[in-house]
Structures are given as C-alpha cells and as structure tokens.
Amino acid sequence: MPRILAVLSLTALLATTGCSSLRFPGVYRIDIPQGNFVTEEMLGELQPGMSPEQVRYVLGAPTLVDPFTPDKWFYLMTYRPGKGDNVSQQIVLHFENGSYSRHEGEVIEDFRKKTSSQQDRELQRKLDQRKQEETTPEPAPATQQSAPDPETLPQEPTDPGQPAA
C-alpha cells in the first residue's frame, strides 16, 4: 500500500510539473514582461562621470545590485510572450570611484517586432495601410447629370379645395 501511494504521488507531481511546459491548442497565454527594458536612446544619454543618482534618473532603478560588487548595476529584462520565443536583454553598468564609467551588453534590435505576434503585426500593417489611404487625396469624381432630388424641387401650389397630401 505505501508503494502505491508513493507511485501515485510521484505520478501526480510529474504530471503537474510537466503540464507547465506544454502548450495546449486554444489556451490563451499572457505575455509576461519582467525587468527593465533599456533603449539605445537611454544609453546614449549616459555620460562618463555621472553620479549614481543621475544614472538612476536616466535608466530607472537597476534590476540587481550585487552587494559584493556594488560598482556593477545589472539591468536585466526577459519578455515571455504567450506565443513566440522568449526575448532577453542584459545591460551591465560599471562605476569607478563612485561615478559611471562604461556599460556592457547589447540592446535588443527592433524590440516591438520580436515581441509582437504575427496577428499583431498584421493588424499594424492594416492600420498603416488605412492611414496611408486616408492621407492620399482621392481624384475628383467625373461630373455626371443625375435626376434632381424631389425634396429640393419647388412645390406647386395646391388647390384650396383639395386636402393636402
């Protein structure tokens, strides 16, 4: 009896941990952004000699500061889309004598393209196409003779002996 309980509990444990990595069709999975996303423009604002407070103002608070090496700040970011591949970025800032000196790491090129799904990109393409059509002037329509609108025609006087229609 104890063996059966052990086997059943082990099976249940394996089944629940294994299901987290499976992707069932039709099940909605949310996008999970974690950490600090740093852009090329943000890194361009950093100048050697800036104080930690100035760096914090430009980039925000670091994701991680190692207590054993406080002269290194880590800006880590992981984006787990519901559909698609994970995207991650790691930027490390180095401080010397209490001021910013340099950074290491690569900024994600075209972050929006890597994190949006095919459906999102298709919707964006349609929106851009619609905006372009709205800004493009339409050619003037050819003049056509059409029948006059009966409501704009002058009304004939009615005979006072006849009821109004």
C-alpha atoms as a PDB file:
ATOM      1  CA  MET A   1       0.000   0.000   0.000  1.00  0.00           C
ATOM      2  CA  PRO A   2       2.740   2.583   0.809  1.00  0.00           C
ATOM      3  CA  ARG A   3       4.371   1.807  -2.542  1.00  0.00           C
ATOM      4  CA  ILE A   4       1.151   2.549  -4.420  1.00  0.00           C
ATOM      5  CA  LEU A   5       0.765   5.890  -2.618  1.00  0.00           C
ATOM      6  CA  ALA A   6       4.383   6.784  -3.377  1.00  0.00           C
ATOM      7  CA  VAL A   7       3.949   5.913  -7.061  1.00  0.00           C
ATOM      8  CA  LEU A   8       0.671   7.850  -7.287  1.00  0.00           C
ATOM      9  CA  SER A   9       2.123  10.935  -5.611  1.00  0.00           C
ATOM     10  CA  LEU A  10       5.204  10.811  -7.856  1.00  0.00           C
ATOM     11  CA  THR A  11       2.974  10.470 -10.925  1.00  0.00           C
ATOM     12  CA  ALA A  12       0.852  13.423  -9.812  1.00  0.00           C
ATOM     13  CA  LEU A  13       3.975  15.523  -9.211  1.00  0.00           C
ATOM     14  CA  LEU A  14       5.400  14.706 -12.639  1.00  0.00           C
ATOM     15  CA  ALA A  15       2.065  15.389 -14.318  1.00  0.00           C
ATOM     16  CA  THR A  16       1.679  18.851 -12.766  1.00  0.00           C
ATOM     17  CA  THR A  17       5.258  19.926 -13.460  1.00  0.00           C
ATOM     18  CA  GLY A  18       5.153  18.563 -16.980  1.00  0.00           C
ATOM     19  CA  CYS A  19       1.964  20.441 -17.880  1.00  0.00           C
ATOM     20  CA  SER A  20       3.543  23.829 -17.277  1.00  0.00           C
ATOM     21  CA  SER A  21       5.827  23.438 -20.290  1.00  0.00           C
ATOM     22  CA  LEU A  22       3.152  22.063 -22.636  1.00  0.00           C
ATOM     23  CA  ARG A  23       1.274  24.393 -24.942  1.00  0.00           C
ATOM     24  CA  PHE A  24      -2.289  23.239 -25.405  1.00  0.00           C
ATOM     25  CA  PRO A  25      -4.055  24.499 -28.547  1.00  0.00           C
ATOM     26  CA  GLY A  26      -6.754  27.083 -27.943  1.00  0.00           C
ATOM     27  CA  VAL A  27      -5.463  28.026 -24.478  1.00  0.00           C
ATOM     28  CA  TYR A  28      -4.720  31.743 -24.086  1.00  0.00           C
ATOM     29  CA  ARG A  29      -1.310  32.503 -22.629  1.00  0.00           C
ATOM     30  CA  ILE A  30      -0.479  36.017 -21.456  1.00  0.00           C
ATOM     31  CA  ASP A  31       2.679  37.963 -22.259  1.00  0.00           C
ATOM     32  CA  ILE A  32       4.999  38.273 -19.246  1.00  0.00           C
ATOM     33  CA  PRO A  33       7.489  41.173 -19.256  1.00  0.00           C
ATOM     34  CA  GLN A  34       9.963  41.143 -16.371  1.00  0.00           C
ATOM     35  CA  GLY A  35      12.761  43.560 -15.563  1.00  0.00           C
ATOM     36  CA  ASN A  36      13.888  46.873 -17.044  1.00  0.00           C
ATOM     37  CA  PHE A  37      13.943  47.475 -20.782  1.00  0.00           C
ATOM     38  CA  VAL A  38      16.765  49.817 -21.764  1.00  0.00           C
ATOM     39  CA  THR A  39      16.754  51.509 -25.174  1.00  0.00           C
ATOM     40  CA  GLU A  40      19.638  52.777 -27.259  1.00  0.00           C
ATOM     41  CA  GLU A  41      18.451  56.360 -26.645  1.00  0.00           C
ATOM     42  CA  MET A  42      18.594  55.836 -22.881  1.00  0.00           C
ATOM     43  CA  LEU A  43      22.158  54.529 -23.089  1.00  0.00           C
ATOM     44  CA  GLY A  44      23.064  57.470 -25.348  1.00  0.00           C
ATOM     45  CA  GLU A  45      22.133  59.883 -22.540  1.00  0.00           C
ATOM     46  CA  LEU A  46      24.721  58.349 -20.197  1.00  0.00           C
ATOM     47  CA  GLN A  47      27.992  60.241 -19.925  1.00  0.00           C
ATOM     48  CA  PRO A  48      31.146  59.058 -18.124  1.00  0.00           C
ATOM     49  CA  GLY A  49      31.421  60.746 -14.742  1.00  0.00           C
ATOM     50  CA  MET A  50      27.683  60.795 -13.992  1.00  0.00           C
ATOM     51  CA  SER A  51      26.697  60.138 -10.391  1.00  0.00           C
ATOM     52  CA  PRO A  52      24.649  57.040  -9.499  1.00  0.00           C
ATOM     53  CA  GLU A  53      21.626  59.291  -8.858  1.00  0.00           C
ATOM     54  CA  GLN A  54      21.897  60.755 -12.368  1.00  0.00           C
ATOM     55  CA  VAL A  55      22.183  57.274 -13.882  1.00  0.00           C
ATOM     56  CA  ARG A  56      19.164  56.142 -11.873  1.00  0.00           C
ATOM     57  CA  TYR A  57      17.219  59.154 -13.206  1.00  0.00           C
ATOM     58  CA  VAL A  58      18.041  58.222 -16.829  1.00  0.00           C
ATOM     59  CA  LEU A  59      17.620  54.424 -16.682  1.00  0.00           C
ATOM     60  CA  GLY A  60      15.492  53.879 -13.611  1.00  0.00           C
ATOM     61  CA  ALA A  61      16.359  51.632 -10.708  1.00  0.00           C
ATOM     62  CA  PRO A  62      18.578  48.659 -11.587  1.00  0.00           C
ATOM     63  CA  THR A  63      17.115  45.183 -11.501  1.00  0.00           C
ATOM     64  CA  LEU A  64      20.040  43.883  -9.467  1.00  0.00           C
ATOM     65  CA  VAL A  65      22.922  45.366  -7.479  1.00  0.00           C
ATOM     66  CA  ASP A  66      25.277  42.735  -6.150  1.00  0.00           C
ATOM     67  CA  PRO A  67      26.193  43.540  -2.529  1.00  0.00           C
ATOM     68  CA  PHE A  68      29.696  42.147  -3.058  1.00  0.00           C
ATOM     69  CA  THR A  69      30.349  44.287  -6.167  1.00  0.00           C
ATOM     70  CA  PRO A  70      28.310  47.491  -5.674  1.00  0.00           C
ATOM     71  CA  ASP A  71      30.174  49.101  -8.585  1.00  0.00           C
ATOM     72  CA  LYS A  72      28.159  46.965 -11.027  1.00  0.00           C
ATOM     73  CA  TRP A  73      24.490  47.547 -11.770  1.00  0.00           C
ATOM     74  CA  PHE A  74      22.515  44.979 -13.732  1.00  0.00           C
ATOM     75  CA  TYR A  75      19.562  45.921 -15.943  1.00  0.00           C
ATOM     76  CA  LEU A  76      18.012  42.575 -16.844  1.00  0.00           C
ATOM     77  CA  MET A  77      14.884  42.102 -18.919  1.00  0.00           C
ATOM     78  CA  THR A  78      13.046  38.971 -20.018  1.00  0.00           C
ATOM     79  CA  TYR A  79       9.916  39.031 -22.151  1.00  0.00           C
ATOM     80  CA  ARG A  80       7.940  35.797 -22.385  1.00  0.00           C
ATOM     81  CA  PRO A  81       5.198  36.154 -24.991  1.00  0.00           C
ATOM     82  CA  GLY A  82       2.159  33.922 -24.883  1.00  0.00           C
ATOM     83  CA  LYS A  83       3.068  32.844 -28.399  1.00  0.00           C
ATOM     84  CA  GLY A  84       6.567  33.017 -29.793  1.00  0.00           C
ATOM     85  CA  ASP A  85      10.106  32.888 -28.490  1.00  0.00           C
ATOM     86  CA  ASN A  86      11.437  34.455 -25.285  1.00  0.00           C
ATOM     87  CA  VAL A  87      13.416  37.670 -25.634  1.00  0.00           C
ATOM     88  CA  SER A  88      16.004  38.746 -23.066  1.00  0.00           C
ATOM     89  CA  GLN A  89      18.431  41.604 -22.595  1.00  0.00           C
ATOM     90  CA  GLN A  90      21.263  42.141 -20.130  1.00  0.00           C
ATOM     91  CA  ILE A  91      22.942  45.525 -19.672  1.00  0.00           C
ATOM     92  CA  VAL A  92      25.684  45.879 -17.031  1.00  0.00           C
ATOM     93  CA  LEU A  93      26.810  49.338 -15.887  1.00  0.00           C
ATOM     94  CA  HIS A  94      30.240  49.818 -14.339  1.00  0.00           C
ATOM     95  CA  PHE A  95      31.106  52.545 -11.832  1.00  0.00           C
ATOM     96  CA  GLU A  96      34.620  53.643 -10.875  1.00  0.00           C
ATOM     97  CA  ASN A  97      35.289  55.885  -7.874  1.00  0.00           C
ATOM     98  CA  GLY A  98      31.562  56.436  -7.380  1.00  0.00           C
ATOM     99  CA  SER A  99      30.792  57.627 -10.925  1.00  0.00           C
ATOM    100  CA  TYR A 100      29.588  55.948 -14.123  1.00  0.00           C
ATOM    101  CA  SER A 101      32.381  54.755 -16.422  1.00  0.00           C
ATOM    102  CA  ARG A 102      31.011  52.317 -19.041  1.00  0.00           C
ATOM    103  CA  HIS A 103      28.384  49.716 -19.877  1.00  0.00           C
ATOM    104  CA  GLU A 104      28.344  46.231 -21.359  1.00  0.00           C
ATOM    105  CA  GLY A 105      25.615  44.392 -23.196  1.00  0.00           C
ATOM    106  CA  GLU A 106      23.512  44.704 -26.298  1.00  0.00           C
ATOM    107  CA  VAL A 107      20.227  46.496 -26.699  1.00  0.00           C
ATOM    108  CA  ILE A 108      17.534  44.418 -28.388  1.00  0.00           C
ATOM    109  CA  GLU A 109      17.193  45.475 -32.013  1.00  0.00           C
ATOM    110  CA  ASP A 110      13.592  46.160 -33.047  1.00  0.00           C
ATOM    111  CA  PHE A 111      12.084  45.059 -29.733  1.00  0.00           C
ATOM    112  CA  ARG A 112       8.483  45.550 -30.911  1.00  0.00           C
ATOM    113  CA  LYS A 113       8.959  43.238 -33.902  1.00  0.00           C
ATOM    114  CA  LYS A 114      10.451  40.490 -31.754  1.00  0.00           C
ATOM    115  CA  THR A 115       7.769  40.655 -29.084  1.00  0.00           C
ATOM    116  CA  SER A 116       4.618  41.091 -31.142  1.00  0.00           C
ATOM    117  CA  SER A 117       2.786  38.148 -32.627  1.00  0.00           C
ATOM    118  CA  GLN A 118       2.051  37.620 -36.311  1.00  0.00           C
ATOM    119  CA  GLN A 119      -1.549  38.703 -35.721  1.00  0.00           C
ATOM    120  CA  ASP A 120      -0.404  41.955 -34.072  1.00  0.00           C
ATOM    121  CA  ARG A 121       1.951  42.709 -36.965  1.00  0.00           C
ATOM    122  CA  GLU A 122      -0.835  42.042 -39.488  1.00  0.00           C
ATOM    123  CA  LEU A 123      -3.199  44.401 -37.621  1.00  0.00           C
ATOM    124  CA  GLN A 124      -0.476  47.082 -37.535  1.00  0.00           C
ATOM    125  CA  ARG A 125       0.129  46.653 -41.277  1.00  0.00           C
ATOM    126  CA  LYS A 126      -3.591  47.090 -41.993  1.00  0.00           C
ATOM    127  CA  LEU A 127      -3.730  50.185 -39.774  1.00  0.00           C
ATOM    128  CA  ASP A 128      -0.739  51.727 -41.564  1.00  0.00           C
ATOM    129  CA  GLN A 129      -2.324  50.932 -44.928  1.00  0.00           C
ATOM    130  CA  ARG A 130      -5.621  52.542 -43.875  1.00  0.00           C
ATOM    131  CA  LYS A 131      -3.817  55.677 -42.628  1.00  0.00           C
ATOM    132  CA  GLN A 132      -1.950  55.906 -45.920  1.00  0.00           C
ATOM    133  CA  GLU A 133      -5.217  55.608 -47.877  1.00  0.00           C
ATOM    134  CA  GLU A 134      -6.789  58.373 -45.779  1.00  0.00           C
ATOM    135  CA  THR A 135      -3.907  60.769 -46.384  1.00  0.00           C
ATOM    136  CA  THR A 136      -3.762  60.072 -50.126  1.00  0.00           C
ATOM    137  CA  PRO A 137      -6.018  62.584 -51.942  1.00  0.00           C
ATOM    138  CA  GLU A 138      -8.788  60.974 -53.943  1.00  0.00           C
ATOM    139  CA  PRO A 139      -9.210  62.019 -57.593  1.00  0.00           C
ATOM    140  CA  ALA A 140     -12.114  64.390 -58.259  1.00  0.00           C
ATOM    141  CA  PRO A 141     -15.193  62.464 -59.435  1.00  0.00           C
ATOM    142  CA  ALA A 142     -16.324  62.949 -63.009  1.00  0.00           C
ATOM    143  CA  THR A 143     -19.339  65.238 -63.324  1.00  0.00           C
ATOM    144  CA  GLN A 144     -22.499  63.343 -64.080  1.00  0.00           C
ATOM    145  CA  GLN A 145     -26.008  64.574 -64.720  1.00  0.00           C
ATOM    146  CA  SER A 146     -28.339  62.969 -62.250  1.00  0.00           C
ATOM    147  CA  ALA A 147     -32.015  63.259 -61.611  1.00  0.00           C
ATOM    148  CA  PRO A 148     -32.907  66.167 -59.318  1.00  0.00           C
ATOM    149  CA  ASP A 149     -33.787  65.426 -55.739  1.00  0.00           C
ATOM    150  CA  PRO A 150     -37.599  65.656 -55.365  1.00  0.00           C
ATOM    151  CA  GLU A 151     -37.281  67.347 -51.975  1.00  0.00           C
ATOM    152  CA  THR A 152     -35.309  70.255 -53.437  1.00  0.00           C
ATOM    153  CA  LEU A 153     -37.739  70.902 -56.315  1.00  0.00           C
ATOM    154  CA  PRO A 154     -40.115  73.844 -55.913  1.00  0.00           C
ATOM    155  CA  GLN A 155     -43.558  72.787 -54.739  1.00  0.00           C
ATOM    156  CA  GLU A 156     -46.613  73.543 -56.858  1.00  0.00           C
ATOM    157  CA  PRO A 157     -49.360  75.464 -55.127  1.00  0.00           C
ATOM    158  CA  THR A 158     -52.183  73.239 -54.032  1.00  0.00           C
ATOM    159  CA  ASP A 159     -55.851  73.834 -54.743  1.00  0.00           C
ATOM    160  CA  PRO A 160     -57.577  75.107 -51.568  1.00  0.00           C
ATOM    161  CA  GLY A 161     -60.473  72.735 -52.185  1.00  0.00           C
ATOM    162  CA  GLN A 162     -58.232  69.639 -52.168  1.00  0.00           C
ATOM    163  CA  PRO A 163     -56.821  68.163 -48.989  1.00  0.00           C
ATOM    164  CA  ALA A 164     -53.055  68.423 -48.597  1.00  0.00           C
ATOM    165  CA  ALA A 165     -51.157  65.243 -49.284  1.00  0.00           C
END
